[in-house]
N, C-alpha and C. Protein backbone atom coordinates (compact mmCIF):
# COMPACT_ATOMS: atom_id res chain seq x y z
N MET A 1 115.10 37.38 88.90
CA MET A 1 115.88 37.89 89.05
C MET A 1 114.99 39.79 88.19
N LYS A 2 114.76 39.33 87.11
CA LYS A 2 113.63 40.62 86.39
C LYS A 2 112.79 41.04 87.28
N ARG A 3 112.01 39.87 88.00
CA ARG A 3 110.84 40.83 88.87
C ARG A 3 111.51 41.89 89.85
N LEU A 4 112.51 41.15 90.56
CA LEU A 4 112.82 42.12 91.73
C LEU A 4 113.58 43.24 91.02
N LEU A 5 114.30 43.14 89.90
CA LEU A 5 114.75 44.57 89.22
C LEU A 5 113.32 45.64 88.79
N ILE A 6 112.33 44.71 88.93
CA ILE A 6 111.05 45.58 87.99
C ILE A 6 110.23 45.80 89.52
N ALA A 7 110.21 45.35 90.49
CA ALA A 7 109.61 45.61 91.77
C ALA A 7 110.71 47.01 92.29
N ALA A 8 112.09 46.80 92.46
CA ALA A 8 112.97 47.59 92.56
C ALA A 8 112.61 48.93 92.16
N ALA A 9 112.27 49.04 90.79
CA ALA A 9 112.14 50.34 90.04
C ALA A 9 110.83 50.84 90.42
N VAL A 10 109.55 50.02 90.36
CA VAL A 10 108.64 50.77 90.70
C VAL A 10 108.37 51.23 92.41
N ALA A 11 109.20 50.45 93.18
CA ALA A 11 109.16 51.32 94.41
C ALA A 11 110.04 52.06 94.43
N ALA A 12 111.13 52.63 93.49
CA ALA A 12 111.78 53.49 93.63
C ALA A 12 110.85 54.92 93.02
N THR A 13 110.13 54.56 92.18
CA THR A 13 109.66 55.70 91.58
C THR A 13 108.19 56.29 92.51
N ILE A 14 108.02 55.05 93.46
CA ILE A 14 106.56 55.30 94.10
C ILE A 14 107.56 56.32 95.42
N LEU A 15 108.40 55.81 95.45
CA LEU A 15 109.30 56.81 97.15
C LEU A 15 110.06 57.47 96.68
N ALA A 16 110.16 58.08 95.55
CA ALA A 16 111.17 59.11 95.05
C ALA A 16 110.10 60.34 95.31
N PRO A 17 110.75 61.48 95.80
CA PRO A 17 110.13 62.61 95.90
C PRO A 17 110.02 63.30 94.89
N PRO A 18 108.90 63.91 94.51
CA PRO A 18 108.26 64.59 93.46
C PRO A 18 109.41 65.48 93.03
N VAL A 19 109.46 65.68 91.45
CA VAL A 19 110.24 66.62 90.83
C VAL A 19 109.40 67.96 90.73
N LEU A 20 109.96 69.11 91.41
CA LEU A 20 109.24 70.21 91.37
C LEU A 20 109.44 71.10 90.45
N ALA A 21 108.44 71.87 89.48
CA ALA A 21 108.81 72.80 88.73
C ALA A 21 109.63 73.81 88.81
N ALA A 22 110.16 74.62 88.50
CA ALA A 22 111.19 75.79 88.78
C ALA A 22 110.05 76.94 89.40
N ASP A 23 110.50 77.59 90.44
CA ASP A 23 109.32 78.53 90.99
C ASP A 23 109.74 79.84 90.11
N VAL A 24 108.34 80.31 89.26
CA VAL A 24 109.04 81.19 88.31
C VAL A 24 108.28 82.27 88.73
N GLY A 25 109.03 83.84 89.26
CA GLY A 25 108.23 84.74 89.64
C GLY A 25 107.72 85.85 88.71
N VAL A 26 106.84 85.79 88.46
CA VAL A 26 106.21 87.21 87.58
C VAL A 26 105.48 88.18 88.60
N SER A 27 106.22 89.30 88.08
CA SER A 27 105.58 90.48 88.78
C SER A 27 104.70 91.49 88.19
N VAL A 28 103.92 91.87 88.33
CA VAL A 28 102.91 92.87 87.47
C VAL A 28 102.26 94.05 88.33
N SER A 29 102.60 95.33 88.01
CA SER A 29 102.31 96.04 88.77
C SER A 29 100.99 96.86 88.75
N VAL A 30 100.71 97.90 89.28
CA VAL A 30 99.36 98.71 89.05
C VAL A 30 99.65 99.19 87.67
N GLY A 31 98.57 99.45 86.77
CA GLY A 31 98.63 99.90 85.78
C GLY A 31 98.99 99.22 84.61
N GLN A 32 99.29 97.85 85.00
CA GLN A 32 99.35 96.73 83.99
C GLN A 32 98.51 96.05 83.82
N PRO A 33 97.85 95.33 82.65
CA PRO A 33 96.89 94.55 82.25
C PRO A 33 96.44 93.38 83.27
N GLY A 34 97.52 92.69 83.73
CA GLY A 34 97.63 91.68 84.53
C GLY A 34 97.11 91.92 86.16
N PHE A 35 97.09 93.11 86.54
CA PHE A 35 96.97 93.33 87.78
C PHE A 35 95.89 93.15 88.86
N PHE A 36 95.90 92.47 89.58
CA PHE A 36 94.73 92.35 90.69
C PHE A 36 95.02 92.80 92.02
N GLY A 37 93.77 93.78 92.41
CA GLY A 37 94.41 94.42 93.78
C GLY A 37 93.68 95.60 94.05
N ARG A 38 94.22 96.55 95.32
CA ARG A 38 93.79 97.45 95.37
C ARG A 38 93.88 98.73 94.83
N LEU A 39 93.12 99.60 94.12
CA LEU A 39 93.47 100.79 93.89
C LEU A 39 93.09 102.15 94.54
N ASP A 40 93.77 102.79 93.93
CA ASP A 40 93.43 103.95 94.83
C ASP A 40 93.25 105.18 93.51
N VAL A 41 91.77 105.37 93.23
CA VAL A 41 91.06 105.59 92.48
C VAL A 41 91.38 107.69 92.59
N GLY A 42 91.36 107.88 93.85
CA GLY A 42 91.55 109.58 93.82
C GLY A 42 92.06 109.98 92.47
N GLY A 43 91.49 111.15 92.12
CA GLY A 43 92.45 112.05 90.87
C GLY A 43 91.98 111.16 89.33
N TYR A 44 90.98 110.00 89.59
CA TYR A 44 91.23 109.25 88.82
C TYR A 44 89.58 109.40 88.21
N PRO A 45 89.19 109.04 86.46
CA PRO A 45 87.86 109.12 86.38
C PRO A 45 87.03 108.36 87.29
N GLN A 46 85.88 108.86 87.37
CA GLN A 46 84.99 107.97 88.48
C GLN A 46 84.49 106.61 88.08
N PRO A 47 85.12 105.40 88.94
CA PRO A 47 84.95 104.19 88.68
C PRO A 47 84.01 103.27 88.24
N GLU A 48 83.65 102.44 87.53
CA GLU A 48 82.61 101.86 86.79
C GLU A 48 82.61 100.68 87.83
N VAL A 49 82.03 100.22 88.58
CA VAL A 49 81.70 98.96 89.61
C VAL A 49 80.40 97.87 89.11
N TYR A 50 81.02 96.45 89.65
CA TYR A 50 79.83 95.51 89.48
C TYR A 50 78.61 95.71 90.21
N TYR A 51 78.90 96.26 91.54
CA TYR A 51 77.81 95.99 92.26
C TYR A 51 77.83 97.70 92.79
N ARG A 52 76.41 98.52 92.82
CA ARG A 52 76.52 99.34 93.45
C ARG A 52 76.62 99.51 94.84
N ARG A 53 76.39 98.79 95.75
CA ARG A 53 76.71 98.81 97.40
C ARG A 53 78.05 98.18 97.49
N PRO A 54 78.67 98.25 98.58
CA PRO A 54 80.06 97.91 98.56
C PRO A 54 79.94 96.29 99.31
N VAL A 55 80.83 95.34 99.25
CA VAL A 55 80.78 93.96 99.31
C VAL A 55 81.44 94.00 100.67
N VAL A 56 80.89 93.30 101.55
CA VAL A 56 81.43 93.38 103.31
C VAL A 56 81.68 91.83 103.78
N ILE A 57 82.70 91.56 104.16
CA ILE A 57 82.67 90.09 104.40
C ILE A 57 82.64 89.92 106.30
N GLU A 58 83.47 90.99 106.87
CA GLU A 58 83.27 91.18 108.32
C GLU A 58 82.57 92.39 108.77
N ARG A 59 82.28 92.31 109.69
CA ARG A 59 81.54 93.56 110.06
C ARG A 59 82.63 94.77 110.34
N VAL A 60 82.04 95.90 109.57
CA VAL A 60 83.29 96.96 109.80
C VAL A 60 82.22 98.31 109.92
N GLU A 61 82.97 99.49 110.44
CA GLU A 61 82.04 100.69 110.52
C GLU A 61 81.46 101.24 109.04
N ASP A 62 80.32 101.65 109.10
CA ASP A 62 79.96 102.33 107.66
C ASP A 62 80.36 103.44 107.21
N SER A 63 81.08 104.20 108.52
CA SER A 63 81.47 105.52 107.97
C SER A 63 83.21 105.27 107.32
N ARG A 64 83.48 103.88 107.30
CA ARG A 64 84.79 104.08 106.45
C ARG A 64 84.30 103.91 105.24
N GLU A 65 85.06 104.59 104.36
CA GLU A 65 85.06 104.60 102.84
C GLU A 65 85.40 103.28 102.41
N PRO A 66 84.60 103.21 101.40
CA PRO A 66 84.76 102.01 100.67
C PRO A 66 86.28 101.81 99.79
N ILE A 67 86.88 100.62 99.42
CA ILE A 67 88.16 100.47 98.95
C ILE A 67 87.74 99.90 97.49
N TYR A 68 88.12 100.50 96.29
CA TYR A 68 87.97 100.25 95.00
C TYR A 68 89.60 98.79 94.72
N MET A 69 88.64 97.54 94.31
CA MET A 69 89.41 96.48 94.10
C MET A 69 89.35 96.01 92.59
N ARG A 70 90.46 95.53 91.93
CA ARG A 70 90.13 94.98 90.70
C ARG A 70 90.60 93.35 91.03
N VAL A 71 89.77 92.51 90.86
CA VAL A 71 89.92 91.05 90.93
C VAL A 71 89.26 90.55 89.89
N PRO A 72 89.43 89.10 89.67
CA PRO A 72 89.17 88.18 88.57
C PRO A 72 87.64 88.02 88.93
N GLN A 73 86.62 87.75 88.27
CA GLN A 73 85.38 87.95 87.98
C GLN A 73 85.08 86.90 89.34
N ASP A 74 85.51 85.63 89.24
CA ASP A 74 85.15 84.55 90.08
C ASP A 74 85.34 84.91 91.66
N HIS A 75 86.69 85.66 91.58
CA HIS A 75 87.03 86.05 93.09
C HIS A 75 85.93 87.21 93.64
N ALA A 76 85.26 87.88 92.66
CA ALA A 76 84.47 88.87 93.34
C ALA A 76 82.80 87.91 93.69
N GLN A 77 82.76 86.96 92.66
CA GLN A 77 81.60 86.50 93.32
C GLN A 77 81.59 85.60 94.23
N HIS A 78 82.88 85.02 94.71
CA HIS A 78 83.21 84.01 95.94
C HIS A 78 84.10 84.79 96.62
N TRP A 79 83.83 86.19 96.94
CA TRP A 79 84.58 87.34 98.01
C TRP A 79 85.14 86.69 99.32
N LYS A 80 84.11 85.68 100.02
CA LYS A 80 84.40 85.26 101.48
C LYS A 80 85.69 84.36 101.22
N ARG A 81 85.93 84.02 100.20
CA ARG A 81 86.64 82.80 99.79
C ARG A 81 88.06 83.29 99.58
N HIS A 82 87.86 84.64 99.29
CA HIS A 82 88.99 85.00 98.36
C HIS A 82 89.65 86.37 98.89
N CYS A 83 88.89 87.16 99.82
CA CYS A 83 89.16 88.19 100.51
C CYS A 83 90.43 88.30 101.09
N GLY A 84 90.92 87.26 101.77
CA GLY A 84 92.01 86.87 102.66
C GLY A 84 93.56 87.27 101.60
N GLU A 85 93.49 86.96 100.75
CA GLU A 85 94.23 86.99 99.33
C GLU A 85 94.83 88.41 99.09
N TYR A 86 94.02 89.23 99.33
CA TYR A 86 93.84 90.72 99.01
C TYR A 86 93.94 91.62 100.76
N SER A 87 93.83 90.97 101.48
CA SER A 87 93.87 91.61 102.94
C SER A 87 92.83 92.45 102.89
N ALA A 88 91.67 91.90 102.67
CA ALA A 88 90.37 93.11 102.47
C ALA A 88 89.40 92.43 103.04
N CYS A 89 89.36 91.34 104.02
CA CYS A 89 87.97 90.90 104.59
C CYS A 89 87.38 91.94 105.62
N GLY A 90 88.18 92.68 105.80
CA GLY A 90 87.54 93.84 107.11
C GLY A 90 87.33 94.91 106.35
N GLU A 91 87.01 94.82 105.22
CA GLU A 91 87.25 96.61 104.13
C GLU A 91 85.77 96.03 103.41
N ARG A 92 85.22 97.37 103.36
CA ARG A 92 83.75 97.62 102.67
C ARG A 92 84.93 97.81 101.08
N VAL A 93 84.07 96.77 100.07
CA VAL A 93 84.95 96.64 98.81
C VAL A 93 83.79 97.06 97.52
N LEU A 94 84.20 97.87 96.86
CA LEU A 94 83.86 97.91 95.38
C LEU A 94 84.60 97.52 94.19
N PHE A 95 84.08 96.41 93.61
CA PHE A 95 84.90 95.98 92.49
C PHE A 95 84.90 96.78 91.34
N VAL A 96 85.94 97.17 90.66
CA VAL A 96 86.06 98.09 89.47
C VAL A 96 85.91 96.95 88.23
N ARG A 97 85.05 97.27 87.22
CA ARG A 97 85.00 96.83 85.96
C ARG A 97 86.38 96.63 85.16
N ASP A 98 86.60 95.65 84.47
CA ASP A 98 87.89 95.64 83.63
C ASP A 98 87.88 96.57 82.61
N GLY A 99 86.78 96.97 81.84
CA GLY A 99 86.77 97.61 80.77
C GLY A 99 87.32 99.33 81.49
N TRP A 100 86.68 99.75 82.35
CA TRP A 100 86.96 100.77 83.09
C TRP A 100 88.77 101.03 83.46
N TYR A 101 88.96 99.64 83.99
CA TYR A 101 90.29 99.43 84.65
C TYR A 101 91.69 99.85 83.07
N ASN A 102 91.21 99.31 82.46
CA ASN A 102 92.01 98.97 80.96
C ASN A 102 91.90 100.32 80.14
N GLN A 103 90.52 100.64 80.13
CA GLN A 103 90.41 101.95 79.31
C GLN A 103 90.57 103.44 79.85
N GLN A 104 90.57 103.15 81.15
CA GLN A 104 90.14 104.94 81.95
C GLN A 104 91.62 104.69 83.12
N TYR A 105 91.51 103.68 83.92
CA TYR A 105 92.31 103.67 85.22
C TYR A 105 94.10 103.50 84.79
N ALA A 106 94.49 102.40 83.63
CA ALA A 106 95.70 101.99 83.36
C ALA A 106 96.40 103.08 82.71
N PRO A 107 95.68 103.54 81.43
CA PRO A 107 96.40 104.62 81.05
C PRO A 107 97.03 105.60 81.50
N HIS A 108 95.75 106.42 82.23
CA HIS A 108 95.95 107.79 83.72
C HIS A 108 97.09 107.42 84.25
N TYR A 109 96.98 106.00 85.09
CA TYR A 109 98.25 105.85 85.86
C TYR A 109 99.62 105.77 85.39
N GLN A 110 99.70 105.25 84.27
CA GLN A 110 100.91 105.14 83.46
C GLN A 110 101.25 106.25 83.18
N GLU A 111 100.48 107.18 82.83
CA GLU A 111 100.59 108.70 82.24
C GLU A 111 101.27 109.30 83.16
N GLN A 112 100.71 109.13 84.59
CA GLN A 112 101.12 110.02 85.81
C GLN A 112 102.87 109.55 86.04
N HIS A 113 102.63 108.05 86.05
CA HIS A 113 104.01 107.44 86.62
C HIS A 113 105.21 107.43 85.60
N ARG A 114 104.78 107.60 84.54
CA ARG A 114 105.77 108.38 83.45
C ARG A 114 106.60 109.65 83.56
N ASP A 115 105.74 110.63 83.79
CA ASP A 115 106.21 111.76 83.76
C ASP A 115 107.09 111.74 85.17
N LYS A 116 106.78 111.10 86.25
CA LYS A 116 107.62 111.26 87.58
C LYS A 116 108.69 110.55 87.11
N HIS A 117 108.75 109.17 86.45
CA HIS A 117 110.18 108.74 85.95
C HIS A 117 110.85 109.39 84.99
N ASP A 118 110.25 110.42 84.28
CA ASP A 118 111.10 111.36 83.57
C ASP A 118 112.10 112.21 84.09
N GLU A 119 111.03 112.62 85.72
CA GLU A 119 112.14 113.87 86.13
C GLU A 119 113.05 113.45 87.03
N HIS A 120 113.36 111.99 87.10
CA HIS A 120 114.51 111.48 87.75
C HIS A 120 115.75 111.49 86.62
N ARG A 121 115.32 111.52 85.29
CA ARG A 121 116.59 112.01 84.32
C ARG A 121 117.10 113.10 83.77
N ASP A 122 118.37 113.22 83.52
CA ASP A 122 118.63 114.67 83.27
C ASP A 122 118.55 114.92 81.61
N GLY A 123 119.34 115.75 80.98
CA GLY A 123 118.70 116.12 79.66
C GLY A 123 119.90 115.16 78.88
N HIS A 124 120.81 114.18 79.36
CA HIS A 124 121.64 113.47 78.38
C HIS A 124 120.98 112.11 78.77
N GLY A 125 119.77 111.69 78.90
CA GLY A 125 119.59 110.39 78.97
C GLY A 125 119.90 109.54 80.22
N ASN A 126 120.52 109.99 81.13
CA ASN A 126 120.79 109.48 82.22
C ASN A 126 120.01 110.03 83.66
N ASP A 127 120.22 108.94 84.43
CA ASP A 127 119.09 109.48 85.78
C ASP A 127 120.33 110.01 86.79
N HIS A 128 119.75 110.19 88.04
CA HIS A 128 120.53 111.10 88.95
C HIS A 128 121.60 110.11 89.55
N HIS A 129 121.74 108.77 89.17
CA HIS A 129 123.13 108.19 89.51
C HIS A 129 124.29 108.40 88.30
N GLY A 130 123.65 108.90 87.66
CA GLY A 130 124.89 109.20 85.94
C GLY A 130 124.82 108.00 85.51
N GLU A 131 124.09 106.91 85.53
CA GLU A 131 123.95 105.71 84.86
C GLU A 131 123.10 106.15 83.39
N SER A 132 123.83 105.68 82.28
CA SER A 132 122.88 105.58 81.32
C SER A 132 121.85 104.72 81.22
N ASN A 133 120.45 105.23 80.67
CA ASN A 133 119.41 104.40 80.83
C ASN A 133 119.46 103.10 79.64
N ARG A 134 120.43 103.27 78.85
CA ARG A 134 120.72 102.35 77.77
C ARG A 134 121.56 101.47 78.12
N GLU A 135 122.39 101.50 79.39
CA GLU A 135 123.44 100.41 79.79
C GLU A 135 122.94 99.50 80.39
N ARG A 136 121.32 100.01 80.58
CA ARG A 136 120.53 98.93 81.63
C ARG A 136 120.08 97.78 80.89
């Protein structure tokens, strides 16, 4: 009888669907340290890049301007494997250096967008919807 119970327990363990961890969504925006993706560098200090020539995976027109991307170093080194994650396989890509992003781009971006956010508030700490920012 013990063998039958042990066999049933083992079978239940093997056949049971795996327990999945809860899907935890984390959102990181442009201008934050953990952001990876396309950057609009117009009006920002000259980007520092890893490679002087754009990386191209699929044939594109040379007349198109390259796009600037911040990606993990291993993604840049193996761009052919990772370009689809960024919808950039058909783009000429220049990879920006982390130091430039963290010291130049992110602070400038945050400053620009802080000013735009402040424009939506009235003089009493309320936004245009009449809600106090402290109540959120």
